């Protein structure tokens, strides 16, 4: 059973930092692309960052230079380091992977950035 469990969200002032973690289980973590999405109610879910099994990363333009995605295959965990946070980063952040054509999501963690 695939499970993705996020943690690390919270309330932070603009300019601050947070690190999100996603603990994965139920699949071979090391060979899968992992990603972080975010969604504000009423909006579509947006890909924030992704990392391949080989460590190649990509980011949405709005977070480039501020966010860093990384993975620890020994711990089956993917991280999202978020620096210089802005109020517009406020959202629910979801961990994501895709296995044999199916999308899997975590339960989400709320990030709120106050101005």
N, C-alpha and C. Protein backbone atom coordinates (compact mmCIF):
# COMPACT_ATOMS: atom_id res chain seq x y z
N UNK A 1 0.86 -1.20 0.00
CA UNK A 1 0.00 0.00 0.00
C UNK A 1 0.89 1.24 0.00
N UNK A 2 0.70 2.07 -1.01
CA UNK A 2 1.50 3.29 -1.12
C UNK A 2 1.03 4.30 -0.07
N UNK A 3 1.98 4.83 0.66
CA UNK A 3 1.66 5.89 1.63
C UNK A 3 2.67 7.01 1.50
N UNK A 4 2.16 8.24 1.52
CA UNK A 4 2.98 9.44 1.52
C UNK A 4 2.49 10.30 2.68
N UNK A 5 3.38 10.58 3.63
CA UNK A 5 2.99 11.31 4.83
C UNK A 5 3.84 12.56 4.95
N UNK A 6 3.19 13.71 4.78
CA UNK A 6 3.89 15.00 4.86
C UNK A 6 3.95 15.51 6.29
N UNK A 7 4.96 16.31 6.54
CA UNK A 7 5.08 17.01 7.81
C UNK A 7 5.91 18.26 7.59
N UNK A 8 5.86 19.16 8.58
CA UNK A 8 6.73 20.33 8.54
C UNK A 8 6.04 21.63 8.19
N UNK A 9 4.76 21.58 7.87
CA UNK A 9 4.06 22.83 7.57
C UNK A 9 3.85 23.66 8.82
N UNK A 10 3.33 24.87 8.63
CA UNK A 10 3.07 25.73 9.76
C UNK A 10 2.90 27.16 9.35
N UNK A 11 2.96 28.03 10.36
CA UNK A 11 2.81 29.47 10.16
C UNK A 11 4.18 30.13 10.29
N UNK A 12 4.51 30.96 9.31
CA UNK A 12 5.80 31.64 9.33
C UNK A 12 5.63 33.05 8.77
N UNK A 13 6.47 33.95 9.21
CA UNK A 13 6.43 35.31 8.68
C UNK A 13 7.10 35.37 7.32
N UNK A 14 6.71 36.34 6.53
CA UNK A 14 7.34 36.55 5.23
C UNK A 14 8.84 36.71 5.42
N UNK A 15 9.59 36.06 4.52
CA UNK A 15 11.04 36.06 4.62
C UNK A 15 11.60 34.88 5.39
N UNK A 16 10.74 34.16 6.07
CA UNK A 16 11.17 33.02 6.87
C UNK A 16 11.33 31.75 6.05
N UNK A 17 11.62 30.67 6.76
CA UNK A 17 11.89 29.39 6.11
C UNK A 17 11.10 28.27 6.77
N UNK A 18 10.82 27.25 5.99
CA UNK A 18 10.24 26.00 6.48
C UNK A 18 10.84 24.86 5.67
N UNK A 19 10.90 23.68 6.29
CA UNK A 19 11.29 22.50 5.56
C UNK A 19 10.20 21.46 5.67
N UNK A 20 9.66 21.07 4.54
CA UNK A 20 8.66 20.02 4.48
C UNK A 20 9.34 18.67 4.27
N UNK A 21 8.78 17.65 4.87
CA UNK A 21 9.25 16.28 4.68
C UNK A 21 8.11 15.40 4.23
N UNK A 22 8.45 14.39 3.45
CA UNK A 22 7.44 13.43 3.01
C UNK A 22 8.05 12.03 3.17
N UNK A 23 7.50 11.27 4.10
CA UNK A 23 7.94 9.90 4.32
C UNK A 23 7.12 8.96 3.45
N UNK A 24 7.81 8.18 2.63
CA UNK A 24 7.13 7.31 1.67
C UNK A 24 7.29 5.85 2.07
N UNK A 25 6.28 5.06 1.73
CA UNK A 25 6.35 3.62 1.97
C UNK A 25 5.44 2.90 0.99
N UNK A 26 5.66 1.60 0.86
CA UNK A 26 4.80 0.78 0.02
C UNK A 26 5.23 0.67 -1.43
N UNK A 27 6.37 1.25 -1.77
CA UNK A 27 6.86 1.14 -3.14
C UNK A 27 8.38 1.33 -3.12
N UNK A 28 9.00 1.09 -4.27
CA UNK A 28 10.46 1.23 -4.34
C UNK A 28 10.78 2.70 -4.55
N UNK A 29 11.02 3.37 -3.46
CA UNK A 29 11.18 4.83 -3.45
C UNK A 29 12.30 5.29 -4.38
N UNK A 30 13.42 4.59 -4.36
CA UNK A 30 14.63 5.08 -5.01
C UNK A 30 14.49 5.21 -6.53
N UNK A 31 13.55 4.51 -7.14
CA UNK A 31 13.44 4.54 -8.60
C UNK A 31 12.34 5.47 -9.09
N UNK A 32 11.64 6.09 -8.17
CA UNK A 32 10.49 6.91 -8.55
C UNK A 32 10.77 8.40 -8.53
N UNK A 33 10.17 9.08 -9.50
CA UNK A 33 10.14 10.54 -9.44
C UNK A 33 9.24 10.95 -8.26
N UNK A 34 9.70 11.94 -7.53
CA UNK A 34 8.92 12.48 -6.42
C UNK A 34 8.70 13.96 -6.66
N UNK A 35 7.56 14.45 -6.18
CA UNK A 35 7.28 15.86 -6.39
C UNK A 35 6.51 16.49 -5.26
N UNK A 36 6.48 17.78 -5.27
CA UNK A 36 5.66 18.57 -4.35
C UNK A 36 4.72 19.44 -5.19
N UNK A 37 3.45 19.38 -4.85
CA UNK A 37 2.43 20.23 -5.44
C UNK A 37 1.87 21.12 -4.35
N UNK A 38 1.16 22.15 -4.76
CA UNK A 38 0.44 22.97 -3.81
C UNK A 38 -0.89 23.39 -4.42
N UNK A 39 -1.83 23.66 -3.53
CA UNK A 39 -3.17 24.02 -3.99
C UNK A 39 -3.83 24.96 -3.00
N UNK A 40 -4.35 26.04 -3.53
CA UNK A 40 -5.17 26.97 -2.79
C UNK A 40 -6.62 26.65 -3.15
N UNK A 41 -7.54 26.64 -2.18
CA UNK A 41 -8.94 26.33 -2.48
C UNK A 41 -9.46 27.17 -3.64
N UNK A 42 -10.09 26.50 -4.60
CA UNK A 42 -10.64 27.19 -5.77
C UNK A 42 -9.69 27.24 -6.95
N UNK A 43 -8.42 26.87 -6.69
CA UNK A 43 -7.42 26.87 -7.77
C UNK A 43 -7.00 25.45 -8.10
N UNK A 44 -6.37 25.30 -9.28
CA UNK A 44 -5.83 24.00 -9.64
C UNK A 44 -4.58 23.70 -8.84
N UNK A 45 -4.34 22.40 -8.67
CA UNK A 45 -3.11 21.98 -8.00
C UNK A 45 -1.94 22.29 -8.92
N UNK A 46 -0.90 22.85 -8.34
CA UNK A 46 0.25 23.35 -9.11
C UNK A 46 1.51 22.59 -8.72
N UNK A 47 2.27 22.12 -9.73
CA UNK A 47 3.55 21.49 -9.45
C UNK A 47 4.54 22.54 -9.00
N UNK A 48 5.13 22.33 -7.84
CA UNK A 48 6.11 23.26 -7.29
C UNK A 48 7.53 22.80 -7.63
N UNK A 49 7.80 21.53 -7.41
CA UNK A 49 9.15 21.01 -7.64
C UNK A 49 9.07 19.50 -7.80
N UNK A 50 10.04 18.96 -8.55
CA UNK A 50 10.12 17.52 -8.72
C UNK A 50 11.57 17.10 -8.77
N UNK A 51 11.80 15.82 -8.42
CA UNK A 51 13.15 15.29 -8.44
C UNK A 51 13.11 13.86 -8.96
N UNK A 52 13.99 13.56 -9.90
CA UNK A 52 14.03 12.22 -10.48
C UNK A 52 14.83 11.28 -9.59
N UNK A 53 14.83 10.01 -9.98
CA UNK A 53 15.61 9.03 -9.22
C UNK A 53 17.10 9.37 -9.26
N UNK A 54 17.53 10.01 -10.33
CA UNK A 54 18.94 10.38 -10.46
C UNK A 54 19.30 11.71 -9.85
N UNK A 55 18.30 12.40 -9.30
CA UNK A 55 18.58 13.67 -8.63
C UNK A 55 18.37 14.91 -9.47
N UNK A 56 17.90 14.75 -10.69
CA UNK A 56 17.60 15.92 -11.51
C UNK A 56 16.35 16.61 -10.96
N UNK A 57 16.43 17.93 -10.87
CA UNK A 57 15.33 18.69 -10.27
C UNK A 57 14.75 19.68 -11.26
N UNK A 58 13.50 20.02 -11.04
CA UNK A 58 12.90 21.14 -11.77
C UNK A 58 11.91 21.84 -10.85
N UNK A 59 11.71 23.13 -11.13
CA UNK A 59 10.92 23.99 -10.27
C UNK A 59 10.00 24.88 -11.11
N UNK A 60 8.88 25.24 -10.52
CA UNK A 60 8.06 26.27 -11.13
C UNK A 60 8.81 27.59 -10.99
N UNK A 61 8.64 28.46 -11.97
CA UNK A 61 9.44 29.69 -12.00
C UNK A 61 9.30 30.52 -10.73
N UNK A 62 8.13 30.51 -10.13
CA UNK A 62 7.87 31.39 -8.98
C UNK A 62 8.65 31.00 -7.74
N UNK A 63 9.24 29.81 -7.70
CA UNK A 63 9.98 29.39 -6.51
C UNK A 63 11.47 29.18 -6.79
N UNK A 64 11.87 29.32 -8.04
CA UNK A 64 13.29 29.12 -8.38
C UNK A 64 14.18 30.06 -7.58
N UNK A 65 15.25 29.50 -7.03
CA UNK A 65 16.16 30.29 -6.22
C UNK A 65 15.75 30.40 -4.76
N UNK A 66 14.53 29.98 -4.44
CA UNK A 66 14.06 30.07 -3.05
C UNK A 66 13.79 28.69 -2.45
N UNK A 67 13.31 27.77 -3.26
CA UNK A 67 12.96 26.42 -2.79
C UNK A 67 13.98 25.41 -3.32
N UNK A 68 14.23 24.37 -2.52
CA UNK A 68 15.11 23.29 -2.95
C UNK A 68 14.47 21.96 -2.61
N UNK A 69 14.33 21.11 -3.60
CA UNK A 69 13.83 19.76 -3.38
C UNK A 69 15.02 18.81 -3.29
N UNK A 70 14.94 17.85 -2.38
CA UNK A 70 16.00 16.86 -2.24
C UNK A 70 15.38 15.54 -1.78
N UNK A 71 16.17 14.50 -1.85
CA UNK A 71 15.66 13.20 -1.43
C UNK A 71 16.76 12.42 -0.72
N UNK A 72 16.32 11.58 0.21
CA UNK A 72 17.23 10.68 0.92
C UNK A 72 16.68 9.27 0.69
N UNK A 73 17.28 8.55 -0.23
CA UNK A 73 16.76 7.23 -0.59
C UNK A 73 16.92 6.23 0.56
N UNK A 74 17.89 6.44 1.42
CA UNK A 74 18.07 5.54 2.56
C UNK A 74 16.94 5.68 3.56
N UNK A 75 16.32 6.86 3.59
CA UNK A 75 15.23 7.12 4.53
C UNK A 75 13.86 7.15 3.84
N UNK A 76 13.84 6.89 2.53
CA UNK A 76 12.58 6.96 1.78
C UNK A 76 11.84 8.27 2.03
N UNK A 77 12.59 9.35 1.98
CA UNK A 77 12.03 10.65 2.32
C UNK A 77 12.42 11.68 1.27
N UNK A 78 11.48 12.54 0.93
CA UNK A 78 11.76 13.67 0.06
C UNK A 78 11.47 14.95 0.84
N UNK A 79 12.27 15.95 0.59
CA UNK A 79 12.20 17.20 1.34
C UNK A 79 11.93 18.38 0.40
N UNK A 80 11.37 19.43 0.98
CA UNK A 80 11.25 20.70 0.27
C UNK A 80 11.68 21.79 1.23
N UNK A 81 12.87 22.32 1.00
CA UNK A 81 13.37 23.44 1.78
C UNK A 81 12.86 24.72 1.16
N UNK A 82 12.14 25.50 1.93
CA UNK A 82 11.52 26.72 1.43
C UNK A 82 12.09 27.91 2.17
N UNK A 83 12.80 28.76 1.45
CA UNK A 83 13.40 29.96 2.02
C UNK A 83 12.76 31.20 1.41
N UNK A 84 12.98 32.32 2.07
CA UNK A 84 12.45 33.61 1.59
C UNK A 84 10.97 33.49 1.24
N UNK A 85 10.23 32.92 2.15
CA UNK A 85 8.82 32.67 1.89
C UNK A 85 8.04 33.97 1.73
N UNK A 86 7.04 33.90 0.86
CA UNK A 86 6.19 35.05 0.56
C UNK A 86 4.74 34.70 0.89
N UNK A 87 3.92 35.69 1.15
CA UNK A 87 2.50 35.40 1.42
C UNK A 87 1.84 34.59 0.31
N UNK A 88 2.26 34.79 -0.92
CA UNK A 88 1.65 34.04 -2.02
C UNK A 88 2.06 32.57 -2.06
N UNK A 89 3.00 32.18 -1.19
CA UNK A 89 3.34 30.75 -1.05
C UNK A 89 2.35 30.03 -0.14
N UNK A 90 1.48 30.78 0.51
CA UNK A 90 0.47 30.17 1.37
C UNK A 90 -0.38 29.19 0.59
N UNK A 91 -0.43 27.94 1.07
CA UNK A 91 -1.14 26.90 0.35
C UNK A 91 -1.08 25.61 1.15
N UNK A 92 -1.82 24.62 0.70
CA UNK A 92 -1.63 23.25 1.18
C UNK A 92 -0.64 22.59 0.23
N UNK A 93 0.39 21.99 0.80
CA UNK A 93 1.45 21.36 0.01
C UNK A 93 1.27 19.84 0.08
N UNK A 94 1.35 19.22 -1.09
CA UNK A 94 1.13 17.77 -1.21
C UNK A 94 2.37 17.10 -1.80
N UNK A 95 2.71 15.99 -1.21
CA UNK A 95 3.74 15.11 -1.76
C UNK A 95 3.10 14.25 -2.84
N UNK A 96 3.87 13.91 -3.86
CA UNK A 96 3.30 13.23 -5.02
C UNK A 96 4.30 12.22 -5.59
N UNK A 97 3.74 11.12 -6.09
CA UNK A 97 4.50 10.23 -6.94
C UNK A 97 3.56 9.56 -7.93
N UNK A 98 4.14 8.97 -8.93
CA UNK A 98 3.34 8.30 -9.96
C UNK A 98 3.94 6.92 -10.16
N UNK A 99 3.10 5.91 -10.04
CA UNK A 99 3.55 4.52 -10.14
C UNK A 99 2.66 3.78 -11.11
N UNK A 100 3.25 3.24 -12.16
CA UNK A 100 2.53 2.44 -13.17
C UNK A 100 1.27 3.15 -13.64
N UNK A 101 1.37 4.44 -13.89
CA UNK A 101 0.28 5.20 -14.45
C UNK A 101 -0.71 5.76 -13.45
N UNK A 102 -0.51 5.48 -12.17
CA UNK A 102 -1.42 5.99 -11.15
C UNK A 102 -0.73 7.10 -10.34
N UNK A 103 -1.51 8.14 -10.04
CA UNK A 103 -1.03 9.23 -9.21
C UNK A 103 -1.32 8.96 -7.75
N UNK A 104 -0.35 9.25 -6.91
CA UNK A 104 -0.52 9.10 -5.47
C UNK A 104 -0.17 10.41 -4.78
N UNK A 105 -0.99 10.76 -3.79
CA UNK A 105 -0.82 12.01 -3.05
C UNK A 105 -0.82 11.75 -1.56
N UNK A 106 -0.10 12.59 -0.86
CA UNK A 106 -0.22 12.58 0.59
C UNK A 106 -1.46 13.35 1.02
N UNK A 107 -1.62 13.49 2.33
CA UNK A 107 -2.82 14.16 2.86
C UNK A 107 -2.68 15.68 2.82
N UNK A 108 -1.48 16.16 2.63
CA UNK A 108 -1.24 17.59 2.55
C UNK A 108 -0.83 18.19 3.88
N UNK A 109 -0.06 19.26 3.80
CA UNK A 109 0.33 20.01 4.99
C UNK A 109 0.19 21.49 4.69
N UNK A 110 -0.41 22.21 5.62
CA UNK A 110 -0.71 23.62 5.42
C UNK A 110 0.53 24.48 5.68
N UNK A 111 0.81 25.36 4.75
CA UNK A 111 1.84 26.37 4.91
C UNK A 111 1.17 27.73 4.83
N UNK A 112 1.34 28.54 5.86
CA UNK A 112 0.77 29.88 5.90
C UNK A 112 1.88 30.89 6.14
N UNK A 113 1.97 31.85 5.24
CA UNK A 113 3.01 32.88 5.33
C UNK A 113 2.32 34.22 5.59
N UNK A 114 2.61 34.82 6.72
CA UNK A 114 2.00 36.09 7.08
C UNK A 114 2.86 37.25 6.60
N UNK A 115 2.20 38.33 6.25
CA UNK A 115 2.94 39.50 5.73
C UNK A 115 3.34 40.44 6.85
